[in-house]
Amino acid sequence: MQLLCTRLRQERLVHEWTQAELARRAGVGVSTLSNLEAGRNTSVETLVRVAMVLGRTQELTALFTPQLQSLDDIQRLERAKQRQRIREKKHG
């Protein structure tokens, strides 16, 4: 998370925006943005808003794209699509 927050700060600086400017564009408070950049007490909604303003939504999409590196990965993904719930493992 800290790396992600650092990258968002770097992206803001590339745009030459102050925290106040980015916060205004994203519709969040300056303290909220400051907390995000510091990696503390932030929400997913804030992260998405800031990423959208910075034009970095593709990176967020990539976080949820399955990494398929083998036939087993593909089969596991297909089985997961069919299931509605994960069964609890029995201890014993």
Protein backbone atom coordinates (compact mmCIF):
# COMPACT_ATOMS: atom_id res chain seq x y z
CA MET A 1 0.00 0.00 0.00
CA GLN A 2 2.82 2.37 0.85
CA LEU A 3 4.35 1.91 -2.61
CA LEU A 4 1.01 2.68 -4.26
CA CYS A 5 0.60 5.83 -2.18
CA THR A 6 4.12 6.97 -3.01
CA ARG A 7 3.42 6.47 -6.72
CA LEU A 8 0.25 8.55 -6.49
CA ARG A 9 2.23 11.36 -4.87
CA GLN A 10 4.87 11.14 -7.59
CA GLU A 11 2.18 11.27 -10.26
CA ARG A 12 0.71 14.39 -8.64
CA LEU A 13 4.12 16.03 -8.73
CA VAL A 14 4.55 15.12 -12.41
CA HIS A 15 1.34 17.05 -13.08
CA GLU A 16 2.81 19.91 -10.99
CA TRP A 17 -0.29 20.02 -8.82
CA THR A 18 -0.41 20.92 -5.16
CA GLN A 19 -2.27 18.64 -2.78
CA ALA A 20 -5.00 21.28 -2.67
CA GLU A 21 -5.37 21.26 -6.47
CA LEU A 22 -5.57 17.47 -6.74
CA ALA A 23 -7.94 17.28 -3.77
CA ARG A 24 -10.25 19.83 -5.42
CA ARG A 25 -10.22 17.95 -8.74
CA ALA A 26 -10.89 14.62 -7.00
CA GLY A 27 -13.59 16.02 -4.76
CA VAL A 28 -11.85 15.11 -1.50
CA GLY A 29 -10.40 17.13 1.34
CA VAL A 30 -6.75 18.14 1.47
CA SER A 31 -6.27 16.21 4.71
CA THR A 32 -7.84 13.15 3.07
CA LEU A 33 -5.38 13.39 0.18
CA SER A 34 -2.50 13.94 2.58
CA ASN A 35 -3.51 10.79 4.47
CA LEU A 36 -3.71 8.85 1.20
CA GLU A 37 -0.23 9.94 0.14
CA ALA A 38 1.08 8.98 3.57
CA GLY A 39 -0.61 5.58 3.35
CA ARG A 40 -2.77 6.03 6.41
CA ASN A 41 -6.49 6.00 7.14
CA THR A 42 -7.85 6.15 3.62
CA SER A 43 -10.71 4.57 1.72
CA VAL A 44 -10.86 2.71 -1.56
CA GLU A 45 -13.23 5.40 -2.83
CA THR A 46 -10.59 8.10 -2.23
CA LEU A 47 -7.95 5.98 -3.94
CA VAL A 48 -10.18 5.48 -6.99
CA ARG A 49 -11.15 9.17 -7.19
CA VAL A 50 -7.52 10.29 -7.09
CA ALA A 51 -6.41 7.62 -9.55
CA MET A 52 -9.16 8.69 -11.97
CA VAL A 53 -8.11 12.34 -11.84
CA LEU A 54 -4.49 11.33 -12.40
CA GLY A 55 -5.49 9.15 -15.36
CA ARG A 56 -4.31 5.94 -13.71
CA THR A 57 -7.45 3.79 -13.76
CA GLN A 58 -5.84 1.15 -15.97
CA GLU A 59 -3.42 0.35 -13.17
CA LEU A 60 -6.37 -0.23 -10.84
CA THR A 61 -8.02 -2.48 -13.40
CA ALA A 62 -4.80 -4.48 -13.68
CA LEU A 63 -4.97 -5.23 -9.95
CA PHE A 64 -8.13 -7.25 -10.54
CA THR A 65 -7.15 -8.95 -13.78
CA PRO A 66 -6.40 -12.63 -13.18
CA GLN A 67 -2.79 -13.58 -13.74
CA LEU A 68 -2.95 -16.73 -15.82
CA GLN A 69 0.43 -18.37 -16.13
CA SER A 70 -0.51 -21.99 -16.55
CA LEU A 71 -3.29 -24.32 -17.59
CA ASP A 72 -3.99 -24.98 -13.90
CA ASP A 73 -4.57 -21.24 -13.36
CA ILE A 74 -7.08 -21.15 -16.22
CA GLN A 75 -8.92 -24.21 -14.90
CA ARG A 76 -9.00 -22.78 -11.36
CA LEU A 77 -10.45 -19.51 -12.69
CA GLU A 78 -13.14 -21.35 -14.65
CA ARG A 79 -14.11 -23.42 -11.59
CA ALA A 80 -14.27 -20.27 -9.45
CA LYS A 81 -16.64 -18.64 -11.95
CA GLN A 82 -19.03 -21.56 -11.56
CA ARG A 83 -19.05 -21.58 -7.75
CA GLN A 84 -21.14 -19.18 -5.74
CA ARG A 85 -19.38 -19.74 -2.42
CA ILE A 86 -16.19 -21.20 -1.10
CA ARG A 87 -16.71 -24.20 1.11
CA GLU A 88 -15.30 -24.13 4.61
CA LYS A 89 -12.45 -26.50 5.23
CA LYS A 90 -13.08 -29.14 7.86
CA HIS A 91 -10.49 -29.28 10.58
CA GLY A 92 -9.74 -32.64 11.77
